[in-house]
């Protein structure tokens, strides 16, 4: 049977998952914008930039990449659910192995099967999130196809911006569901600690949430997409009149060198 420590660890898992999700729905944490929120702004910049070009092949490639990534994780979740059911069929063998390991609390077949069922529920939750995200990215592609071309944008800027906002909202919502599914996959790693004992369960869950929090608010990836100070030597800086642009090789500044010594 489950012990008091098991119930406490399970409640801790649900509480810290809910708290982390609530934290990401806020705009800041210790005055820092989350990586997810910052990427939402970059999504907005991307869609508005697409209004200024007629050739949108690169945009459709980005859309396809988002869909393919979501489909990959949805398929992975299905395989993980199947593995959980396969694990239920080998309960006696796995339980016998755990019974001989140190620091493992042996609670019987029923509790082990319940833990496997909980793991399968996690992967099932992730699958539904990924599946819905894939559907929303599909809708986003359709909405993107309804955006006007450049000459139509110049004729009716308000209508073009409304079309862009529809795409942005759908893209952000799809990305949010994808992130929630990915979060369930990550937290399933912490859930595996429960198969050892409830104290390891709480420890592994805390480690996973700590790593995710660091990535969201204190990582180099977050800094990479924030607005940095412009470096003094921009490669795309305008060329001054009468000055030739730099080359990748040695620059020839002398007129005799440029003319081959004539």
C-alpha atoms as a PDB file:
ATOM      1  CA  UNK A   1       0.000   0.000   0.000  1.00  0.00           C
ATOM      2  CA  UNK A   2       0.999   3.622  -0.450  1.00  0.00           C
ATOM      3  CA  UNK A   3       2.606   5.266   2.546  1.00  0.00           C
ATOM      4  CA  UNK A   4       2.140   8.772   3.872  1.00  0.00           C
ATOM      5  CA  UNK A   5       5.426   9.744   2.234  1.00  0.00           C
ATOM      6  CA  UNK A   6       4.049   8.585  -1.134  1.00  0.00           C
ATOM      7  CA  UNK A   7       0.982  10.805  -0.794  1.00  0.00           C
ATOM      8  CA  UNK A   8       3.129  13.754   0.284  1.00  0.00           C
ATOM      9  CA  UNK A   9       5.507  13.249  -2.656  1.00  0.00           C
ATOM     10  CA  UNK A  10       2.623  12.984  -5.126  1.00  0.00           C
ATOM     11  CA  UNK A  11       1.024  16.155  -3.730  1.00  0.00           C
ATOM     12  CA  UNK A  12       4.398  17.892  -3.942  1.00  0.00           C
ATOM     13  CA  UNK A  13       4.732  16.841  -7.578  1.00  0.00           C
ATOM     14  CA  UNK A  14       1.320  18.256  -8.499  1.00  0.00           C
ATOM     15  CA  UNK A  15       1.907  21.429  -6.484  1.00  0.00           C
ATOM     16  CA  UNK A  16       5.317  22.225  -7.962  1.00  0.00           C
ATOM     17  CA  UNK A  17       4.054  21.488 -11.485  1.00  0.00           C
ATOM     18  CA  UNK A  18       1.114  23.841 -10.984  1.00  0.00           C
ATOM     19  CA  UNK A  19       3.339  26.481  -9.418  1.00  0.00           C
ATOM     20  CA  UNK A  20       5.830  26.356 -12.267  1.00  0.00           C
ATOM     21  CA  UNK A  21       3.045  26.611 -14.847  1.00  0.00           C
ATOM     22  CA  UNK A  22       1.590  29.591 -12.983  1.00  0.00           C
ATOM     23  CA  UNK A  23       5.040  31.189 -12.890  1.00  0.00           C
ATOM     24  CA  UNK A  24       5.420  30.949 -16.676  1.00  0.00           C
ATOM     25  CA  UNK A  25       2.026  32.546 -17.228  1.00  0.00           C
ATOM     26  CA  UNK A  26       3.339  35.639 -15.468  1.00  0.00           C
ATOM     27  CA  UNK A  27       5.363  38.200 -17.356  1.00  0.00           C
ATOM     28  CA  UNK A  28       8.407  38.381 -15.077  1.00  0.00           C
ATOM     29  CA  UNK A  29      10.246  36.505 -12.332  1.00  0.00           C
ATOM     30  CA  UNK A  30      12.612  38.567 -10.200  1.00  0.00           C
ATOM     31  CA  UNK A  31      12.318  41.243 -12.858  1.00  0.00           C
ATOM     32  CA  UNK A  32      13.287  38.828 -15.645  1.00  0.00           C
ATOM     33  CA  UNK A  33      11.163  38.066 -18.691  1.00  0.00           C
ATOM     34  CA  UNK A  34      10.792  34.349 -19.388  1.00  0.00           C
ATOM     35  CA  UNK A  35      12.249  32.754 -22.490  1.00  0.00           C
ATOM     36  CA  UNK A  36       8.743  31.686 -23.555  1.00  0.00           C
ATOM     37  CA  UNK A  37       7.347  35.216 -23.313  1.00  0.00           C
ATOM     38  CA  UNK A  38      10.344  36.666 -25.140  1.00  0.00           C
ATOM     39  CA  UNK A  39       9.876  34.156 -27.950  1.00  0.00           C
ATOM     40  CA  UNK A  40       6.243  35.221 -28.250  1.00  0.00           C
ATOM     41  CA  UNK A  41       7.489  38.705 -29.081  1.00  0.00           C
ATOM     42  CA  UNK A  42       9.861  37.267 -31.675  1.00  0.00           C
ATOM     43  CA  UNK A  43       6.958  35.391 -33.230  1.00  0.00           C
ATOM     44  CA  UNK A  44       5.187  38.746 -33.572  1.00  0.00           C
ATOM     45  CA  UNK A  45       8.233  40.294 -35.250  1.00  0.00           C
ATOM     46  CA  UNK A  46       8.451  37.363 -37.656  1.00  0.00           C
ATOM     47  CA  UNK A  47       4.822  37.601 -38.790  1.00  0.00           C
ATOM     48  CA  UNK A  48       4.977  41.382 -39.241  1.00  0.00           C
ATOM     49  CA  UNK A  49       8.207  41.043 -41.220  1.00  0.00           C
ATOM     50  CA  UNK A  50       6.444  38.633 -43.555  1.00  0.00           C
ATOM     51  CA  UNK A  51       4.004  41.418 -44.478  1.00  0.00           C
ATOM     52  CA  UNK A  52       6.901  43.231 -46.146  1.00  0.00           C
ATOM     53  CA  UNK A  53       7.801  40.460 -48.564  1.00  0.00           C
ATOM     54  CA  UNK A  54       5.825  38.688 -51.268  1.00  0.00           C
ATOM     55  CA  UNK A  55       8.061  35.633 -51.408  1.00  0.00           C
ATOM     56  CA  UNK A  56       7.027  33.675 -48.326  1.00  0.00           C
ATOM     57  CA  UNK A  57       8.804  30.384 -48.932  1.00  0.00           C
ATOM     58  CA  UNK A  58      10.966  30.882 -45.860  1.00  0.00           C
ATOM     59  CA  UNK A  59       7.847  31.467 -43.744  1.00  0.00           C
ATOM     60  CA  UNK A  60       6.190  28.287 -44.971  1.00  0.00           C
ATOM     61  CA  UNK A  61       9.394  26.392 -44.181  1.00  0.00           C
ATOM     62  CA  UNK A  62       9.312  27.734 -40.635  1.00  0.00           C
ATOM     63  CA  UNK A  63       5.674  26.686 -40.306  1.00  0.00           C
ATOM     64  CA  UNK A  64       6.507  23.217 -41.590  1.00  0.00           C
ATOM     65  CA  UNK A  65       9.368  22.948 -39.107  1.00  0.00           C
ATOM     66  CA  UNK A  66       7.049  23.815 -36.216  1.00  0.00           C
ATOM     67  CA  UNK A  67       4.542  21.211 -37.332  1.00  0.00           C
ATOM     68  CA  UNK A  68       7.175  18.514 -37.849  1.00  0.00           C
ATOM     69  CA  UNK A  69       8.666  19.081 -34.411  1.00  0.00           C
ATOM     70  CA  UNK A  70       5.239  18.842 -32.809  1.00  0.00           C
ATOM     71  CA  UNK A  71       4.413  15.666 -34.736  1.00  0.00           C
ATOM     72  CA  UNK A  72       7.699  14.104 -33.602  1.00  0.00           C
ATOM     73  CA  UNK A  73       6.934  14.623 -29.924  1.00  0.00           C
ATOM     74  CA  UNK A  74       3.341  13.433 -30.392  1.00  0.00           C
ATOM     75  CA  UNK A  75       4.638  10.188 -31.909  1.00  0.00           C
ATOM     76  CA  UNK A  76       7.197   9.858 -29.116  1.00  0.00           C
ATOM     77  CA  UNK A  77       4.427  10.200 -26.532  1.00  0.00           C
ATOM     78  CA  UNK A  78       2.462   7.389 -28.178  1.00  0.00           C
ATOM     79  CA  UNK A  79       5.524   5.133 -28.078  1.00  0.00           C
ATOM     80  CA  UNK A  80       6.051   6.012 -24.412  1.00  0.00           C
ATOM     81  CA  UNK A  81       2.443   5.093 -23.590  1.00  0.00           C
ATOM     82  CA  UNK A  82       2.915   1.745 -25.329  1.00  0.00           C
ATOM     83  CA  UNK A  83       6.076   1.162 -23.319  1.00  0.00           C
ATOM     84  CA  UNK A  84       4.144   1.760 -20.110  1.00  0.00           C
ATOM     85  CA  UNK A  85       1.589  -0.886 -21.049  1.00  0.00           C
ATOM     86  CA  UNK A  86       4.428  -3.251 -21.901  1.00  0.00           C
ATOM     87  CA  UNK A  87       5.888  -2.530 -18.475  1.00  0.00           C
ATOM     88  CA  UNK A  88       2.583  -3.483 -16.870  1.00  0.00           C
ATOM     89  CA  UNK A  89       2.872  -6.875 -18.541  1.00  0.00           C
ATOM     90  CA  UNK A  90       6.256  -7.417 -16.904  1.00  0.00           C
ATOM     91  CA  UNK A  91       5.304  -6.212 -13.442  1.00  0.00           C
ATOM     92  CA  UNK A  92       6.531  -9.272 -11.602  1.00  0.00           C
ATOM     93  CA  UNK A  93       9.971  -9.247 -13.255  1.00  0.00           C
ATOM     94  CA  UNK A  94      10.547  -5.520 -12.776  1.00  0.00           C
ATOM     95  CA  UNK A  95       9.195  -5.595  -9.233  1.00  0.00           C
ATOM     96  CA  UNK A  96      11.556  -8.470  -8.409  1.00  0.00           C
ATOM     97  CA  UNK A  97      14.511  -6.420  -9.670  1.00  0.00           C
ATOM     98  CA  UNK A  98      13.492  -3.371  -7.645  1.00  0.00           C
ATOM     99  CA  UNK A  99      13.007  -5.496  -4.535  1.00  0.00           C
ATOM    100  CA  UNK A 100      16.714  -6.426  -4.552  1.00  0.00           C
ATOM    101  CA  UNK A 101      17.972  -2.861  -5.014  1.00  0.00           C
ATOM    102  CA  UNK A 102      19.054  -0.730  -2.044  1.00  0.00           C
ATOM    103  CA  UNK A 103      17.117   2.414  -1.114  1.00  0.00           C
ATOM    104  CA  UNK A 104      14.038   1.145  -2.975  1.00  0.00           C
ATOM    105  CA  UNK A 105      10.800   1.075  -1.005  1.00  0.00           C
ATOM    106  CA  UNK A 106       9.015  -2.127  -2.006  1.00  0.00           C
ATOM    107  CA  UNK A 107       5.268  -1.458  -1.836  1.00  0.00           C
ATOM    108  CA  UNK A 108       3.888  -4.428  -3.756  1.00  0.00           C
ATOM    109  CA  UNK A 109       2.560  -5.101  -7.231  1.00  0.00           C
ATOM    110  CA  UNK A 110      -0.542  -2.937  -6.898  1.00  0.00           C
ATOM    111  CA  UNK A 111       1.390   0.230  -6.020  1.00  0.00           C
ATOM    112  CA  UNK A 112       3.936  -0.434  -8.768  1.00  0.00           C
ATOM    113  CA  UNK A 113       1.163  -0.789 -11.342  1.00  0.00           C
ATOM    114  CA  UNK A 114      -0.429   2.416 -10.068  1.00  0.00           C
ATOM    115  CA  UNK A 115       2.864   4.263 -10.513  1.00  0.00           C
ATOM    116  CA  UNK A 116       3.188   2.940 -14.069  1.00  0.00           C
ATOM    117  CA  UNK A 117      -0.398   4.021 -14.714  1.00  0.00           C
ATOM    118  CA  UNK A 118       0.469   7.518 -13.497  1.00  0.00           C
ATOM    119  CA  UNK A 119       3.460   7.612 -15.831  1.00  0.00           C
ATOM    120  CA  UNK A 120       1.227   6.552 -18.726  1.00  0.00           C
ATOM    121  CA  UNK A 121      -1.210   9.325 -17.765  1.00  0.00           C
ATOM    122  CA  UNK A 122       1.627  11.850 -17.975  1.00  0.00           C
ATOM    123  CA  UNK A 123       2.519  10.719 -21.475  1.00  0.00           C
ATOM    124  CA  UNK A 124      -1.176  10.703 -22.420  1.00  0.00           C
ATOM    125  CA  UNK A 125      -1.486  14.310 -21.249  1.00  0.00           C
ATOM    126  CA  UNK A 126       1.596  15.204 -23.294  1.00  0.00           C
ATOM    127  CA  UNK A 127       0.169  13.483 -26.375  1.00  0.00           C
ATOM    128  CA  UNK A 128      -3.076  15.462 -26.208  1.00  0.00           C
ATOM    129  CA  UNK A 129      -1.126  18.692 -25.825  1.00  0.00           C
ATOM    130  CA  UNK A 130       1.131  17.886 -28.780  1.00  0.00           C
ATOM    131  CA  UNK A 131      -1.819  16.720 -30.876  1.00  0.00           C
ATOM    132  CA  UNK A 132      -3.770  19.904 -30.228  1.00  0.00           C
ATOM    133  CA  UNK A 133      -0.669  22.000 -30.849  1.00  0.00           C
ATOM    134  CA  UNK A 134      -0.174  20.282 -34.208  1.00  0.00           C
ATOM    135  CA  UNK A 135      -3.781  21.056 -35.134  1.00  0.00           C
ATOM    136  CA  UNK A 136      -3.358  24.707 -34.136  1.00  0.00           C
ATOM    137  CA  UNK A 137      -0.153  25.050 -36.137  1.00  0.00           C
ATOM    138  CA  UNK A 138      -2.137  23.681 -39.080  1.00  0.00           C
ATOM    139  CA  UNK A 139      -4.763  26.371 -38.527  1.00  0.00           C
ATOM    140  CA  UNK A 140      -1.975  28.917 -38.238  1.00  0.00           C
ATOM    141  CA  UNK A 141      -0.685  27.893 -41.662  1.00  0.00           C
ATOM    142  CA  UNK A 142      -4.147  28.423 -43.142  1.00  0.00           C
ATOM    143  CA  UNK A 143      -4.427  31.844 -41.504  1.00  0.00           C
ATOM    144  CA  UNK A 144      -0.974  32.721 -42.760  1.00  0.00           C
ATOM    145  CA  UNK A 145      -2.075  31.880 -46.300  1.00  0.00           C
ATOM    146  CA  UNK A 146      -4.881  34.435 -45.960  1.00  0.00           C
ATOM    147  CA  UNK A 147      -2.469  37.284 -45.263  1.00  0.00           C
ATOM    148  CA  UNK A 148      -2.380  39.923 -48.030  1.00  0.00           C
ATOM    149  CA  UNK A 149       0.480  40.520 -50.433  1.00  0.00           C
ATOM    150  CA  UNK A 150       2.618  43.646 -50.227  1.00  0.00           C
ATOM    151  CA  UNK A 151       0.591  45.764 -52.653  1.00  0.00           C
ATOM    152  CA  UNK A 152      -2.631  44.838 -50.846  1.00  0.00           C
ATOM    153  CA  UNK A 153      -0.994  45.641 -47.513  1.00  0.00           C
ATOM    154  CA  UNK A 154      -0.165  49.146 -48.708  1.00  0.00           C
ATOM    155  CA  UNK A 155      -3.784  49.658 -49.795  1.00  0.00           C
ATOM    156  CA  UNK A 156      -5.322  48.597 -46.467  1.00  0.00           C
ATOM    157  CA  UNK A 157      -2.786  48.529 -43.635  1.00  0.00           C
ATOM    158  CA  UNK A 158      -5.437  48.016 -40.952  1.00  0.00           C
ATOM    159  CA  UNK A 159      -6.805  44.865 -42.588  1.00  0.00           C
ATOM    160  CA  UNK A 160      -3.268  43.543 -43.059  1.00  0.00           C
ATOM    161  CA  UNK A 161      -2.449  44.097 -39.393  1.00  0.00           C
ATOM    162  CA  UNK A 162      -5.647  42.355 -38.335  1.00  0.00           C
ATOM    163  CA  UNK A 163      -4.729  39.355 -40.466  1.00  0.00           C
ATOM    164  CA  UNK A 164      -1.234  39.348 -38.973  1.00  0.00           C
ATOM    165  CA  UNK A 165      -2.613  39.506 -35.415  1.00  0.00           C
ATOM    166  CA  UNK A 166      -4.811  36.474 -36.081  1.00  0.00           C
ATOM    167  CA  UNK A 167      -1.771  34.500 -37.204  1.00  0.00           C
ATOM    168  CA  UNK A 168       0.255  35.704 -34.216  1.00  0.00           C
ATOM    169  CA  UNK A 169      -2.406  34.754 -31.677  1.00  0.00           C
ATOM    170  CA  UNK A 170      -2.875  31.306 -33.175  1.00  0.00           C
ATOM    171  CA  UNK A 171       0.876  30.741 -33.357  1.00  0.00           C
ATOM    172  CA  UNK A 172       1.409  31.791 -29.745  1.00  0.00           C
ATOM    173  CA  UNK A 173      -1.449  29.560 -28.526  1.00  0.00           C
ATOM    174  CA  UNK A 174      -0.080  26.594 -30.493  1.00  0.00           C
ATOM    175  CA  UNK A 175       3.375  27.228 -29.052  1.00  0.00           C
ATOM    176  CA  UNK A 176       1.919  27.414 -25.548  1.00  0.00           C
ATOM    177  CA  UNK A 177       0.284  23.985 -25.871  1.00  0.00           C
ATOM    178  CA  UNK A 178       3.509  22.575 -27.298  1.00  0.00           C
ATOM    179  CA  UNK A 179       5.442  23.932 -24.306  1.00  0.00           C
ATOM    180  CA  UNK A 180       2.950  22.389 -21.887  1.00  0.00           C
ATOM    181  CA  UNK A 181       3.344  18.998 -23.534  1.00  0.00           C
ATOM    182  CA  UNK A 182       7.122  19.329 -23.462  1.00  0.00           C
ATOM    183  CA  UNK A 183       6.925  20.285 -19.791  1.00  0.00           C
ATOM    184  CA  UNK A 184       5.069  17.045 -19.063  1.00  0.00           C
ATOM    185  CA  UNK A 185       7.803  15.083 -20.841  1.00  0.00           C
ATOM    186  CA  UNK A 186      10.476  16.774 -18.741  1.00  0.00           C
ATOM    187  CA  UNK A 187       8.584  16.241 -15.492  1.00  0.00           C
ATOM    188  CA  UNK A 188       8.150  12.562 -16.322  1.00  0.00           C
ATOM    189  CA  UNK A 189      11.910  12.296 -15.751  1.00  0.00           C
ATOM    190  CA  UNK A 190      11.361  13.491 -12.205  1.00  0.00           C
ATOM    191  CA  UNK A 191       8.407  11.139 -11.839  1.00  0.00           C
ATOM    192  CA  UNK A 192      10.730   8.171 -12.419  1.00  0.00           C
ATOM    193  CA  UNK A 193      12.270   8.837  -9.016  1.00  0.00           C
ATOM    194  CA  UNK A 194       9.051   7.577  -7.438  1.00  0.00           C
ATOM    195  CA  UNK A 195       9.945   4.039  -8.519  1.00  0.00           C
ATOM    196  CA  UNK A 196      12.883   4.236  -6.109  1.00  0.00           C
ATOM    197  CA  UNK A 197      11.232   5.932  -3.148  1.00  0.00           C
ATOM    198  CA  UNK A 198       9.109   9.054  -2.472  1.00  0.00           C
ATOM    199  CA  UNK A 199      12.058  11.077  -1.191  1.00  0.00           C
ATOM    200  CA  UNK A 200      13.979  10.559  -4.416  1.00  0.00           C
ATOM    201  CA  UNK A 201      10.750  11.428  -6.230  1.00  0.00           C
ATOM    202  CA  UNK A 202      10.622  14.844  -4.549  1.00  0.00           C
ATOM    203  CA  UNK A 203      14.334  15.368  -5.137  1.00  0.00           C
ATOM    204  CA  UNK A 204      14.274  14.538  -8.856  1.00  0.00           C
ATOM    205  CA  UNK A 205      11.164  16.671  -9.356  1.00  0.00           C
ATOM    206  CA  UNK A 206      12.874  19.612  -7.660  1.00  0.00           C
ATOM    207  CA  UNK A 207      15.959  19.169  -9.843  1.00  0.00           C
ATOM    208  CA  UNK A 208      13.909  19.083 -13.036  1.00  0.00           C
ATOM    209  CA  UNK A 209      11.938  22.214 -12.100  1.00  0.00           C
ATOM    210  CA  UNK A 210      15.145  23.967 -11.063  1.00  0.00           C
ATOM    211  CA  UNK A 211      16.727  23.212 -14.453  1.00  0.00           C
ATOM    212  CA  UNK A 212      13.600  24.353 -16.324  1.00  0.00           C
ATOM    213  CA  UNK A 213      13.415  27.570 -14.289  1.00  0.00           C
ATOM    214  CA  UNK A 214      17.059  28.308 -14.972  1.00  0.00           C
ATOM    215  CA  UNK A 215      16.533  27.787 -18.704  1.00  0.00           C
ATOM    216  CA  UNK A 216      13.526  30.074 -18.733  1.00  0.00           C
ATOM    217  CA  UNK A 217      14.933  32.978 -16.718  1.00  0.00           C
ATOM    218  CA  UNK A 218      18.719  32.682 -16.370  1.00  0.00           C
ATOM    219  CA  UNK A 219      20.003  30.876 -19.475  1.00  0.00           C
ATOM    220  CA  UNK A 220      22.198  32.062 -22.329  1.00  0.00           C
ATOM    221  CA  UNK A 221      19.390  31.159 -24.727  1.00  0.00           C
ATOM    222  CA  UNK A 222      17.196  33.768 -23.049  1.00  0.00           C
ATOM    223  CA  UNK A 223      19.921  36.400 -23.354  1.00  0.00           C
ATOM    224  CA  UNK A 224      20.434  35.528 -27.017  1.00  0.00           C
ATOM    225  CA  UNK A 225      16.910  36.602 -28.000  1.00  0.00           C
ATOM    226  CA  UNK A 226      16.681  39.679 -25.796  1.00  0.00           C
ATOM    227  CA  UNK A 227      17.464  43.094 -27.280  1.00  0.00           C
ATOM    228  CA  UNK A 228      21.231  43.495 -26.827  1.00  0.00           C
ATOM    229  CA  UNK A 229      23.281  46.645 -27.132  1.00  0.00           C
ATOM    230  CA  UNK A 230      24.458  47.072 -30.698  1.00  0.00           C
ATOM    231  CA  UNK A 231      28.150  46.282 -31.201  1.00  0.00           C
ATOM    232  CA  UNK A 232      30.299  49.071 -32.678  1.00  0.00           C
ATOM    233  CA  UNK A 233      31.302  47.069 -35.777  1.00  0.00           C
ATOM    234  CA  UNK A 234      28.026  45.963 -37.345  1.00  0.00           C
ATOM    235  CA  UNK A 235      28.442  43.890 -40.494  1.00  0.00           C
ATOM    236  CA  UNK A 236      25.244  45.373 -41.932  1.00  0.00           C
ATOM    237  CA  UNK A 237      26.128  48.992 -41.153  1.00  0.00           C
ATOM    238  CA  UNK A 238      25.634  51.397 -44.077  1.00  0.00           C
ATOM    239  CA  UNK A 239      28.624  52.046 -46.310  1.00  0.00           C
ATOM    240  CA  UNK A 240      29.776  55.663 -46.221  1.00  0.00           C
ATOM    241  CA  UNK A 241      29.846  57.517 -49.557  1.00  0.00           C
ATOM    242  CA  UNK A 242      33.188  57.226 -51.305  1.00  0.00           C
ATOM    243  CA  UNK A 243      34.218  54.250 -49.185  1.00  0.00           C
ATOM    244  CA  UNK A 244      34.251  50.751 -50.588  1.00  0.00           C
ATOM    245  CA  UNK A 245      32.653  47.983 -48.485  1.00  0.00           C
ATOM    246  CA  UNK A 246      34.987  45.625 -46.587  1.00  0.00           C
ATOM    247  CA  UNK A 247      35.799  42.230 -48.029  1.00  0.00           C
ATOM    248  CA  UNK A 248      36.500  38.887 -46.415  1.00  0.00           C
ATOM    249  CA  UNK A 249      40.149  39.031 -47.528  1.00  0.00           C
ATOM    250  CA  UNK A 250      42.832  41.670 -47.148  1.00  0.00           C
ATOM    251  CA  UNK A 251      41.455  45.063 -48.086  1.00  0.00           C
ATOM    252  CA  UNK A 252      43.274  46.965 -50.810  1.00  0.00           C
ATOM    253  CA  UNK A 253      43.173  50.641 -49.991  1.00  0.00           C
ATOM    254  CA  UNK A 254      45.916  51.913 -52.267  1.00  0.00           C
ATOM    255  CA  UNK A 255      44.868  52.989 -55.756  1.00  0.00           C
ATOM    256  CA  UNK A 256      47.952  51.435 -57.320  1.00  0.00           C
ATOM    257  CA  UNK A 257      47.167  48.110 -55.712  1.00  0.00           C
ATOM    258  CA  UNK A 258      43.579  48.224 -56.930  1.00  0.00           C
ATOM    259  CA  UNK A 259      44.707  48.911 -60.481  1.00  0.00           C
ATOM    260  CA  UNK A 260      47.245  46.134 -60.416  1.00  0.00           C
ATOM    261  CA  UNK A 261      50.259  48.478 -60.140  1.00  0.00           C
ATOM    262  CA  UNK A 262      49.584  50.497 -63.299  1.00  0.00           C
END
